Amino acid sequence: MKYLPLNPQIFINNRERFTSKMKGNSIAIFVSNDEWPANGDALHGFVQNSDLYWLTGIEQEDTKLILFPDCPDPKYREVLVLVRPNALKEKWDGKRLRATVSV
């Protein structure tokens, strides 16, 4: 890890600031940067999309954030989409975030 973890409240506050400035019934979608191959079996160092990081604090490829503050169903006002973990990729690159679903 490059640095100590930040307080998650920072990212919650950032999302609240962003959504407070959105027009009514609008939606915002943020997509992470891709991994870029350097050659046949190596990748360049991954650098997250700075907007997505500012809103979530997540540094993982294949991540999406959907903000829809006026959605009638509160559980869909903020949606984080993560790629399904791949055991072989995790063996080489480390553990990935996993979705926890609360009903």
PDB file of N, CA and C in Angstrom:
ATOM      1  N   MET A   1       0.839  -1.168   0.000  1.00  0.00           N
ATOM      2  CA  MET A   1       0.000   0.000   0.000  1.00  0.00           C
ATOM      3  C   MET A   1       0.887   1.235   0.000  1.00  0.00           C
ATOM      4  N   LYS A   2       0.508   2.248  -0.787  1.00  0.00           N
ATOM      5  CA  LYS A   2       1.325   3.441  -0.949  1.00  0.00           C
ATOM      6  C   LYS A   2       1.185   4.423   0.200  1.00  0.00           C
ATOM      7  N   TYR A   3       0.068   4.391   0.890  1.00  0.00           N
ATOM      8  CA  TYR A   3      -0.209   5.375   1.934  1.00  0.00           C
ATOM      9  C   TYR A   3      -1.237   4.811   2.889  1.00  0.00           C
ATOM     10  N   LEU A   4      -1.416   5.471   4.011  1.00  0.00           N
ATOM     11  CA  LEU A   4      -2.417   5.020   4.974  1.00  0.00           C
ATOM     12  C   LEU A   4      -3.813   5.244   4.408  1.00  0.00           C
ATOM     13  N   PRO A   5      -4.781   4.413   4.782  1.00  0.00           N
ATOM     14  CA  PRO A   5      -6.141   4.574   4.270  1.00  0.00           C
ATOM     15  C   PRO A   5      -6.745   5.901   4.737  1.00  0.00           C
ATOM     16  N   LEU A   6      -7.527   6.510   3.849  1.00  0.00           N
ATOM     17  CA  LEU A   6      -8.226   7.747   4.177  1.00  0.00           C
ATOM     18  C   LEU A   6      -9.560   7.429   4.846  1.00  0.00           C
ATOM     19  N   ASN A   7     -10.064   8.380   5.579  1.00  0.00           N
ATOM     20  CA  ASN A   7     -11.366   8.246   6.216  1.00  0.00           C
ATOM     21  C   ASN A   7     -12.442   8.172   5.118  1.00  0.00           C
ATOM     22  N   PRO A   8     -13.271   7.127   5.099  1.00  0.00           N
ATOM     23  CA  PRO A   8     -14.306   6.991   4.060  1.00  0.00           C
ATOM     24  C   PRO A   8     -15.275   8.173   4.018  1.00  0.00           C
ATOM     25  N   GLN A   9     -15.417   8.894   5.119  1.00  0.00           N
ATOM     26  CA  GLN A   9     -16.332  10.039   5.147  1.00  0.00           C
ATOM     27  C   GLN A   9     -15.920  11.105   4.134  1.00  0.00           C
ATOM     28  N   ILE A  10     -14.627  11.169   3.813  1.00  0.00           N
ATOM     29  CA  ILE A  10     -14.149  12.125   2.805  1.00  0.00           C
ATOM     30  C   ILE A  10     -14.848  11.869   1.475  1.00  0.00           C
ATOM     31  N   PHE A  11     -14.926  10.613   1.073  1.00  0.00           N
ATOM     32  CA  PHE A  11     -15.511  10.262  -0.220  1.00  0.00           C
ATOM     33  C   PHE A  11     -17.030  10.402  -0.195  1.00  0.00           C
ATOM     34  N   ILE A  12     -17.639  10.120   0.947  1.00  0.00           N
ATOM     35  CA  ILE A  12     -19.084  10.336   1.098  1.00  0.00           C
ATOM     36  C   ILE A  12     -19.389  11.815   0.935  1.00  0.00           C
ATOM     37  N   ASN A  13     -18.592  12.665   1.580  1.00  0.00           N
ATOM     38  CA  ASN A  13     -18.782  14.118   1.453  1.00  0.00           C
ATOM     39  C   ASN A  13     -18.560  14.580   0.018  1.00  0.00           C
ATOM     40  N   ASN A  14     -17.573  14.021  -0.667  1.00  0.00           N
ATOM     41  CA  ASN A  14     -17.326  14.382  -2.065  1.00  0.00           C
ATOM     42  C   ASN A  14     -18.522  14.036  -2.946  1.00  0.00           C
ATOM     43  N   ARG A  15     -19.109  12.843  -2.728  1.00  0.00           N
ATOM     44  CA  ARG A  15     -20.287  12.456  -3.521  1.00  0.00           C
ATOM     45  C   ARG A  15     -21.470  13.372  -3.220  1.00  0.00           C
ATOM     46  N   GLU A  16     -21.657  13.724  -1.941  1.00  0.00           N
ATOM     47  CA  GLU A  16     -22.751  14.633  -1.580  1.00  0.00           C
ATOM     48  C   GLU A  16     -22.560  15.999  -2.226  1.00  0.00           C
ATOM     49  N   ARG A  17     -21.319  16.500  -2.237  1.00  0.00           N
ATOM     50  CA  ARG A  17     -21.047  17.788  -2.888  1.00  0.00           C
ATOM     51  C   ARG A  17     -21.335  17.714  -4.375  1.00  0.00           C
ATOM     52  N   PHE A  18     -20.899  16.614  -5.005  1.00  0.00           N
ATOM     53  CA  PHE A  18     -21.124  16.478  -6.439  1.00  0.00           C
ATOM     54  C   PHE A  18     -22.608  16.387  -6.768  1.00  0.00           C
ATOM     55  N   THR A  19     -23.346  15.513  -6.072  1.00  0.00           N
ATOM     56  CA  THR A  19     -24.764  15.323  -6.395  1.00  0.00           C
ATOM     57  C   THR A  19     -25.593  16.561  -6.065  1.00  0.00           C
ATOM     58  N   SER A  20     -25.154  17.367  -5.119  1.00  0.00           N
ATOM     59  CA  SER A  20     -25.911  18.588  -4.791  1.00  0.00           C
ATOM     60  C   SER A  20     -25.873  19.592  -5.941  1.00  0.00           C
ATOM     61  N   LYS A  21     -24.890  19.476  -6.819  1.00  0.00           N
ATOM     62  CA  LYS A  21     -24.772  20.399  -7.949  1.00  0.00           C
ATOM     63  C   LYS A  21     -25.369  19.838  -9.241  1.00  0.00           C
ATOM     64  N   MET A  22     -25.874  18.607  -9.202  1.00  0.00           N
ATOM     65  CA  MET A  22     -26.473  18.014 -10.395  1.00  0.00           C
ATOM     66  C   MET A  22     -27.871  18.586 -10.629  1.00  0.00           C
ATOM     67  N   LYS A  23     -28.232  18.703 -11.897  1.00  0.00           N
ATOM     68  CA  LYS A  23     -29.585  19.134 -12.247  1.00  0.00           C
ATOM     69  C   LYS A  23     -30.571  18.021 -11.922  1.00  0.00           C
ATOM     70  N   GLY A  24     -31.831  18.384 -11.725  1.00  0.00           N
ATOM     71  CA  GLY A  24     -32.862  17.405 -11.392  1.00  0.00           C
ATOM     72  C   GLY A  24     -32.990  16.315 -12.439  1.00  0.00           C
ATOM     73  N   ASN A  25     -33.241  15.090 -11.984  1.00  0.00           N
ATOM     74  CA  ASN A  25     -33.416  13.915 -12.842  1.00  0.00           C
ATOM     75  C   ASN A  25     -32.240  13.647 -13.764  1.00  0.00           C
ATOM     76  N   SER A  26     -31.044  14.022 -13.348  1.00  0.00           N
ATOM     77  CA  SER A  26     -29.873  13.720 -14.172  1.00  0.00           C
ATOM     78  C   SER A  26     -29.107  12.551 -13.551  1.00  0.00           C
ATOM     79  N   ILE A  27     -28.275  11.953 -14.369  1.00  0.00           N
ATOM     80  CA  ILE A  27     -27.496  10.799 -13.944  1.00  0.00           C
ATOM     81  C   ILE A  27     -26.040  11.044 -14.327  1.00  0.00           C
ATOM     82  N   ALA A  28     -25.117  10.594 -13.492  1.00  0.00           N
ATOM     83  CA  ALA A  28     -23.689  10.713 -13.783  1.00  0.00           C
ATOM     84  C   ALA A  28     -23.062   9.329 -13.690  1.00  0.00           C
ATOM     85  N   ILE A  29     -22.248   9.004 -14.682  1.00  0.00           N
ATOM     86  CA  ILE A  29     -21.592   7.699 -14.726  1.00  0.00           C
ATOM     87  C   ILE A  29     -20.085   7.926 -14.837  1.00  0.00           C
ATOM     88  N   PHE A  30     -19.335   7.306 -13.938  1.00  0.00           N
ATOM     89  CA  PHE A  30     -17.887   7.410 -13.923  1.00  0.00           C
ATOM     90  C   PHE A  30     -17.306   6.021 -14.152  1.00  0.00           C
ATOM     91  N   VAL A  31     -16.313   5.942 -15.030  1.00  0.00           N
ATOM     92  CA  VAL A  31     -15.723   4.667 -15.411  1.00  0.00           C
ATOM     93  C   VAL A  31     -14.221   4.718 -15.124  1.00  0.00           C
ATOM     94  N   SER A  32     -13.696   3.627 -14.590  1.00  0.00           N
ATOM     95  CA  SER A  32     -12.264   3.584 -14.286  1.00  0.00           C
ATOM     96  C   SER A  32     -11.444   3.521 -15.557  1.00  0.00           C
ATOM     97  N   ASN A  33     -10.165   3.846 -15.420  1.00  0.00           N
ATOM     98  CA  ASN A  33      -9.234   3.682 -16.535  1.00  0.00           C
ATOM     99  C   ASN A  33      -9.019   2.198 -16.789  1.00  0.00           C
ATOM    100  N   ASP A  34      -8.515   1.885 -17.962  1.00  0.00           N
ATOM    101  CA  ASP A  34      -8.210   0.498 -18.321  1.00  0.00           C
ATOM    102  C   ASP A  34      -6.765   0.174 -17.977  1.00  0.00           C
ATOM    103  N   GLU A  35      -6.490  -1.108 -17.899  1.00  0.00           N
ATOM    104  CA  GLU A  35      -5.104  -1.558 -17.820  1.00  0.00           C
ATOM    105  C   GLU A  35      -4.566  -1.597 -19.245  1.00  0.00           C
ATOM    106  N   TRP A  36      -3.333  -1.121 -19.430  1.00  0.00           N
ATOM    107  CA  TRP A  36      -2.750  -1.080 -20.773  1.00  0.00           C
ATOM    108  C   TRP A  36      -1.553  -2.021 -20.834  1.00  0.00           C
ATOM    109  N   PRO A  37      -1.547  -2.903 -21.834  1.00  0.00           N
ATOM    110  CA  PRO A  37      -0.416  -3.824 -21.953  1.00  0.00           C
ATOM    111  C   PRO A  37       0.852  -3.096 -22.382  1.00  0.00           C
ATOM    112  N   ALA A  38       1.963  -3.487 -21.784  1.00  0.00           N
ATOM    113  CA  ALA A  38       3.267  -2.951 -22.173  1.00  0.00           C
ATOM    114  C   ALA A  38       3.890  -3.858 -23.235  1.00  0.00           C
ATOM    115  N   ASN A  39       3.637  -5.151 -23.104  1.00  0.00           N
ATOM    116  CA  ASN A  39       4.058  -6.126 -24.106  1.00  0.00           C
ATOM    117  C   ASN A  39       3.181  -7.360 -23.937  1.00  0.00           C
ATOM    118  N   GLY A  40       3.586  -8.503 -24.430  1.00  0.00           N
ATOM    119  CA  GLY A  40       2.742  -9.688 -24.430  1.00  0.00           C
ATOM    120  C   GLY A  40       2.223 -10.138 -23.071  1.00  0.00           C
ATOM    121  N   ASP A  41       3.010  -9.976 -22.013  1.00  0.00           N
ATOM    122  CA  ASP A  41       2.575 -10.507 -20.724  1.00  0.00           C
ATOM    123  C   ASP A  41       2.767  -9.532 -19.560  1.00  0.00           C
ATOM    124  N   ALA A  42       2.946  -8.271 -19.846  1.00  0.00           N
ATOM    125  CA  ALA A  42       3.131  -7.285 -18.775  1.00  0.00           C
ATOM    126  C   ALA A  42       2.228  -6.077 -19.015  1.00  0.00           C
ATOM    127  N   LEU A  43       1.880  -5.418 -17.932  1.00  0.00           N
ATOM    128  CA  LEU A  43       1.008  -4.248 -18.022  1.00  0.00           C
ATOM    129  C   LEU A  43       1.741  -3.016 -17.503  1.00  0.00           C
ATOM    130  N   HIS A  44       1.380  -1.865 -18.042  1.00  0.00           N
ATOM    131  CA  HIS A  44       1.868  -0.616 -17.473  1.00  0.00           C
ATOM    132  C   HIS A  44       1.249  -0.466 -16.088  1.00  0.00           C
ATOM    133  N   GLY A  45       1.856   0.337 -15.233  1.00  0.00           N
ATOM    134  CA  GLY A  45       1.290   0.584 -13.911  1.00  0.00           C
ATOM    135  C   GLY A  45      -0.090   1.207 -14.026  1.00  0.00           C
ATOM    136  N   PHE A  46      -1.033   0.709 -13.259  1.00  0.00           N
ATOM    137  CA  PHE A  46      -2.410   1.198 -13.328  1.00  0.00           C
ATOM    138  C   PHE A  46      -2.538   2.523 -12.590  1.00  0.00           C
ATOM    139  N   VAL A  47      -3.200   3.476 -13.235  1.00  0.00           N
ATOM    140  CA  VAL A  47      -3.496   4.767 -12.621  1.00  0.00           C
ATOM    141  C   VAL A  47      -4.996   4.988 -12.763  1.00  0.00           C
ATOM    142  N   GLN A  48      -5.671   5.158 -11.632  1.00  0.00           N
ATOM    143  CA  GLN A  48      -7.127   5.301 -11.623  1.00  0.00           C
ATOM    144  C   GLN A  48      -7.559   6.651 -12.204  1.00  0.00           C
ATOM    145  N   ASN A  49      -8.745   6.676 -12.792  1.00  0.00           N
ATOM    146  CA  ASN A  49      -9.396   7.904 -13.219  1.00  0.00           C
ATOM    147  C   ASN A  49      -9.542   8.788 -11.982  1.00  0.00           C
ATOM    148  N   SER A  50      -9.025   9.994 -12.014  1.00  0.00           N
ATOM    149  CA  SER A  50      -8.997  10.841 -10.818  1.00  0.00           C
ATOM    150  C   SER A  50     -10.398  11.222 -10.344  1.00  0.00           C
ATOM    151  N   ASP A  51     -11.361  11.352 -11.255  1.00  0.00           N
ATOM    152  CA  ASP A  51     -12.734  11.667 -10.842  1.00  0.00           C
ATOM    153  C   ASP A  51     -13.340  10.513 -10.046  1.00  0.00           C
ATOM    154  N   LEU A  52     -13.139   9.299 -10.535  1.00  0.00           N
ATOM    155  CA  LEU A  52     -13.669   8.129  -9.841  1.00  0.00           C
ATOM    156  C   LEU A  52     -13.001   7.968  -8.480  1.00  0.00           C
ATOM    157  N   TYR A  53     -11.697   8.196  -8.422  1.00  0.00           N
ATOM    158  CA  TYR A  53     -11.005   8.089  -7.140  1.00  0.00           C
ATOM    159  C   TYR A  53     -11.507   9.149  -6.158  1.00  0.00           C
ATOM    160  N   TRP A  54     -11.714  10.377  -6.622  1.00  0.00           N
ATOM    161  CA  TRP A  54     -12.183  11.471  -5.762  1.00  0.00           C
ATOM    162  C   TRP A  54     -13.548  11.145  -5.155  1.00  0.00           C
ATOM    163  N   LEU A  55     -14.380  10.437  -5.900  1.00  0.00           N
ATOM    164  CA  LEU A  55     -15.722  10.103  -5.428  1.00  0.00           C
ATOM    165  C   LEU A  55     -15.785   8.822  -4.603  1.00  0.00           C
ATOM    166  N   THR A  56     -14.846   7.897  -4.815  1.00  0.00           N
ATOM    167  CA  THR A  56     -14.954   6.585  -4.160  1.00  0.00           C
ATOM    168  C   THR A  56     -13.734   6.174  -3.333  1.00  0.00           C
ATOM    169  N   GLY A  57     -12.554   6.637  -3.721  1.00  0.00           N
ATOM    170  CA  GLY A  57     -11.336   6.181  -3.064  1.00  0.00           C
ATOM    171  C   GLY A  57     -10.882   4.813  -3.542  1.00  0.00           C
ATOM    172  N   ILE A  58     -11.454   4.325  -4.636  1.00  0.00           N
ATOM    173  CA  ILE A  58     -11.144   2.992  -5.146  1.00  0.00           C
ATOM    174  C   ILE A  58     -10.106   3.083  -6.258  1.00  0.00           C
ATOM    175  N   GLU A  59      -9.082   2.255  -6.152  1.00  0.00           N
ATOM    176  CA  GLU A  59      -8.038   2.181  -7.179  1.00  0.00           C
ATOM    177  C   GLU A  59      -8.035   0.779  -7.772  1.00  0.00           C
ATOM    178  N   GLN A  60      -9.075   0.466  -8.527  1.00  0.00           N
ATOM    179  CA  GLN A  60      -9.209  -0.858  -9.132  1.00  0.00           C
ATOM    180  C   GLN A  60      -9.783  -0.696 -10.527  1.00  0.00           C
ATOM    181  N   GLU A  61      -9.206  -1.414 -11.476  1.00  0.00           N
ATOM    182  CA  GLU A  61      -9.701  -1.342 -12.851  1.00  0.00           C
ATOM    183  C   GLU A  61     -11.087  -1.959 -12.961  1.00  0.00           C
ATOM    184  N   ASP A  62     -11.748  -1.689 -14.071  1.00  0.00           N
ATOM    185  CA  ASP A  62     -13.087  -2.226 -14.350  1.00  0.00           C
ATOM    186  C   ASP A  62     -14.107  -1.873 -13.269  1.00  0.00           C
ATOM    187  N   THR A  63     -14.046  -0.649 -12.765  1.00  0.00           N
ATOM    188  CA  THR A  63     -14.976  -0.166 -11.749  1.00  0.00           C
ATOM    189  C   THR A  63     -15.820   0.944 -12.352  1.00  0.00           C
ATOM    190  N   LYS A  64     -17.082   0.966 -11.990  1.00  0.00           N
ATOM    191  CA  LYS A  64     -17.992   2.033 -12.454  1.00  0.00           C
ATOM    192  C   LYS A  64     -18.783   2.557 -11.267  1.00  0.00           C
ATOM    193  N   LEU A  65     -19.066   3.860 -11.289  1.00  0.00           N
ATOM    194  CA  LEU A  65     -19.907   4.486 -10.281  1.00  0.00           C
ATOM    195  C   LEU A  65     -21.039   5.187 -11.004  1.00  0.00           C
ATOM    196  N   ILE A  66     -22.268   4.909 -10.575  1.00  0.00           N
ATOM    197  CA  ILE A  66     -23.452   5.539 -11.161  1.00  0.00           C
ATOM    198  C   ILE A  66     -24.133   6.342 -10.059  1.00  0.00           C
ATOM    199  N   LEU A  67     -24.309   7.633 -10.306  1.00  0.00           N
ATOM    200  CA  LEU A  67     -24.981   8.522  -9.349  1.00  0.00           C
ATOM    201  C   LEU A  67     -26.275   9.011  -9.971  1.00  0.00           C
ATOM    202  N   PHE A  68     -27.388   8.733  -9.307  1.00  0.00           N
ATOM    203  CA  PHE A  68     -28.715   9.152  -9.763  1.00  0.00           C
ATOM    204  C   PHE A  68     -29.494   9.585  -8.523  1.00  0.00           C
ATOM    205  N   PRO A  69     -29.236  10.809  -8.023  1.00  0.00           N
ATOM    206  CA  PRO A  69     -29.809  11.231  -6.741  1.00  0.00           C
ATOM    207  C   PRO A  69     -31.326  11.307  -6.703  1.00  0.00           C
ATOM    208  N   ASP A  70     -31.988  11.429  -7.849  1.00  0.00           N
ATOM    209  CA  ASP A  70     -33.449  11.548  -7.868  1.00  0.00           C
ATOM    210  C   ASP A  70     -34.148  10.222  -8.159  1.00  0.00           C
ATOM    211  N   CYS A  71     -33.428   9.122  -8.095  1.00  0.00           N
ATOM    212  CA  CYS A  71     -34.031   7.814  -8.348  1.00  0.00           C
ATOM    213  C   CYS A  71     -35.092   7.538  -7.280  1.00  0.00           C
ATOM    214  N   PRO A  72     -36.281   7.084  -7.673  1.00  0.00           N
ATOM    215  CA  PRO A  72     -37.334   6.804  -6.701  1.00  0.00           C
ATOM    216  C   PRO A  72     -36.946   5.729  -5.670  1.00  0.00           C
ATOM    217  N   ASP A  73     -36.119   4.771  -6.082  1.00  0.00           N
ATOM    218  CA  ASP A  73     -35.678   3.721  -5.168  1.00  0.00           C
ATOM    219  C   ASP A  73     -34.338   4.132  -4.560  1.00  0.00           C
ATOM    220  N   PRO A  74     -34.279   4.421  -3.255  1.00  0.00           N
ATOM    221  CA  PRO A  74     -33.045   4.927  -2.635  1.00  0.00           C
ATOM    222  C   PRO A  74     -31.818   4.037  -2.805  1.00  0.00           C
ATOM    223  N   LYS A  75     -32.008   2.716  -2.960  1.00  0.00           N
ATOM    224  CA  LYS A  75     -30.835   1.841  -3.071  1.00  0.00           C
ATOM    225  C   LYS A  75     -30.144   1.967  -4.429  1.00  0.00           C
ATOM    226  N   TYR A  76     -30.772   2.653  -5.384  1.00  0.00           N
ATOM    227  CA  TYR A  76     -30.148   2.847  -6.693  1.00  0.00           C
ATOM    228  C   TYR A  76     -29.668   4.282  -6.906  1.00  0.00           C
ATOM    229  N   ARG A  77     -29.599   5.079  -5.872  1.00  0.00           N
ATOM    230  CA  ARG A  77     -29.120   6.459  -6.007  1.00  0.00           C
ATOM    231  C   ARG A  77     -27.606   6.519  -6.156  1.00  0.00           C
ATOM    232  N   GLU A  78     -26.928   5.587  -5.545  1.00  0.00           N
ATOM    233  CA  GLU A  78     -25.476   5.435  -5.699  1.00  0.00           C
ATOM    234  C   GLU A  78     -25.205   3.961  -5.934  1.00  0.00           C
ATOM    235  N   VAL A  79     -24.667   3.636  -7.111  1.00  0.00           N
ATOM    236  CA  VAL A  79     -24.401   2.233  -7.448  1.00  0.00           C
ATOM    237  C   VAL A  79     -22.936   2.096  -7.842  1.00  0.00           C
ATOM    238  N   LEU A  80     -22.255   1.168  -7.205  1.00  0.00           N
ATOM    239  CA  LEU A  80     -20.871   0.860  -7.531  1.00  0.00           C
ATOM    240  C   LEU A  80     -20.842  -0.492  -8.224  1.00  0.00           C
ATOM    241  N   VAL A  81     -20.256  -0.533  -9.409  1.00  0.00           N
ATOM    242  CA  VAL A  81     -20.179  -1.768 -10.186  1.00  0.00           C
ATOM    243  C   VAL A  81     -18.726  -2.232 -10.185  1.00  0.00           C
ATOM    244  N   LEU A  82     -18.499  -3.451  -9.701  1.00  0.00           N
ATOM    245  CA  LEU A  82     -17.165  -4.036  -9.642  1.00  0.00           C
ATOM    246  C   LEU A  82     -17.097  -5.251 -10.555  1.00  0.00           C
ATOM    247  N   VAL A  83     -15.917  -5.508 -11.087  1.00  0.00           N
ATOM    248  CA  VAL A  83     -15.723  -6.700 -11.904  1.00  0.00           C
ATOM    249  C   VAL A  83     -15.688  -7.916 -10.969  1.00  0.00           C
ATOM    250  N   ARG A  84     -16.151  -9.042 -11.465  1.00  0.00           N
ATOM    251  CA  ARG A  84     -16.098 -10.264 -10.658  1.00  0.00           C
ATOM    252  C   ARG A  84     -14.640 -10.682 -10.475  1.00  0.00           C
ATOM    253  N   PRO A  85     -14.275 -11.049  -9.269  1.00  0.00           N
ATOM    254  CA  PRO A  85     -12.883 -11.451  -9.034  1.00  0.00           C
ATOM    255  C   PRO A  85     -12.517 -12.684  -9.850  1.00  0.00           C
ATOM    256  N   ASN A  86     -11.286 -12.699 -10.305  1.00  0.00           N
ATOM    257  CA  ASN A  86     -10.746 -13.801 -11.081  1.00  0.00           C
ATOM    258  C   ASN A  86      -9.584 -14.379 -10.271  1.00  0.00           C
ATOM    259  N   ALA A  87      -9.675 -15.638  -9.888  1.00  0.00           N
ATOM    260  CA  ALA A  87      -8.681 -16.253  -9.007  1.00  0.00           C
ATOM    261  C   ALA A  87      -7.273 -16.194  -9.593  1.00  0.00           C
ATOM    262  N   LEU A  88      -7.128 -16.418 -10.887  1.00  0.00           N
ATOM    263  CA  LEU A  88      -5.801 -16.384 -11.500  1.00  0.00           C
ATOM    264  C   LEU A  88      -5.229 -14.967 -11.481  1.00  0.00           C
ATOM    265  N   LYS A  89      -6.046 -13.985 -11.804  1.00  0.00           N
ATOM    266  CA  LYS A  89      -5.588 -12.590 -11.786  1.00  0.00           C
ATOM    267  C   LYS A  89      -5.229 -12.163 -10.359  1.00  0.00           C
ATOM    268  N   GLU A  90      -6.030 -12.585  -9.390  1.00  0.00           N
ATOM    269  CA  GLU A  90      -5.738 -12.245  -7.996  1.00  0.00           C
ATOM    270  C   GLU A  90      -4.434 -12.888  -7.526  1.00  0.00           C
ATOM    271  N   LYS A  91      -4.116 -14.038  -8.066  1.00  0.00           N
ATOM    272  CA  LYS A  91      -2.864 -14.712  -7.700  1.00  0.00           C
ATOM    273  C   LYS A  91      -1.666 -13.829  -8.049  1.00  0.00           C
ATOM    274  N   TRP A  92      -1.746 -13.141  -9.193  1.00  0.00           N
ATOM    275  CA  TRP A  92      -0.627 -12.325  -9.656  1.00  0.00           C
ATOM    276  C   TRP A  92      -0.717 -10.874  -9.188  1.00  0.00           C
ATOM    277  N   ASP A  93      -1.920 -10.331  -9.138  1.00  0.00           N
ATOM    278  CA  ASP A  93      -2.086  -8.895  -8.888  1.00  0.00           C
ATOM    279  C   ASP A  93      -2.617  -8.555  -7.504  1.00  0.00           C
ATOM    280  N   GLY A  94      -3.014  -9.544  -6.722  1.00  0.00           N
ATOM    281  CA  GLY A  94      -3.550  -9.285  -5.396  1.00  0.00           C
ATOM    282  C   GLY A  94      -5.073  -9.298  -5.375  1.00  0.00           C
ATOM    283  N   LYS A  95      -5.613  -9.304  -4.168  1.00  0.00           N
ATOM    284  CA  LYS A  95      -7.069  -9.383  -3.973  1.00  0.00           C
ATOM    285  C   LYS A  95      -7.788  -8.191  -4.582  1.00  0.00           C
ATOM    286  N   ARG A  96      -9.002  -8.427  -5.043  1.00  0.00           N
ATOM    287  CA  ARG A  96      -9.872  -7.397  -5.612  1.00  0.00           C
ATOM    288  C   ARG A  96     -11.014  -7.127  -4.646  1.00  0.00           C
ATOM    289  N   LEU A  97     -11.594  -5.963  -4.773  1.00  0.00           N
ATOM    290  CA  LEU A  97     -12.778  -5.647  -3.982  1.00  0.00           C
ATOM    291  C   LEU A  97     -13.913  -6.558  -4.409  1.00  0.00           C
ATOM    292  N   ARG A  98     -14.740  -6.917  -3.459  1.00  0.00           N
ATOM    293  CA  ARG A  98     -15.888  -7.771  -3.739  1.00  0.00           C
ATOM    294  C   ARG A  98     -17.155  -7.042  -3.324  1.00  0.00           C
ATOM    295  N   ALA A  99     -18.201  -7.306  -4.063  1.00  0.00           N
ATOM    296  CA  ALA A  99     -19.488  -6.680  -3.758  1.00  0.00           C
ATOM    297  C   ALA A  99     -20.132  -7.386  -2.558  1.00  0.00           C
ATOM    298  N   THR A 100     -20.684  -6.607  -1.682  1.00  0.00           N
ATOM    299  CA  THR A 100     -21.506  -7.144  -0.592  1.00  0.00           C
ATOM    300  C   THR A 100     -22.905  -6.607  -0.830  1.00  0.00           C
ATOM    301  N   VAL A 101     -23.834  -7.492  -0.929  1.00  0.00           N
ATOM    302  CA  VAL A 101     -25.205  -7.099  -1.218  1.00  0.00           C
ATOM    303  C   VAL A 101     -26.007  -7.136   0.071  1.00  0.00           C
ATOM    304  N   SER A 102     -26.635  -6.025   0.394  1.00  0.00           N
ATOM    305  CA  SER A 102     -27.508  -5.985   1.574  1.00  0.00           C
ATOM    306  C   SER A 102     -28.943  -5.828   1.108  1.00  0.00           C
ATOM    307  N   VAL A 103     -29.799  -6.647   1.624  1.00  0.00           N
ATOM    308  CA  VAL A 103     -31.210  -6.609   1.203  1.00  0.00           C
ATOM    309  C   VAL A 103     -32.066  -6.046   2.304  1.00  0.00           C
TER     310      VAL A 103
END
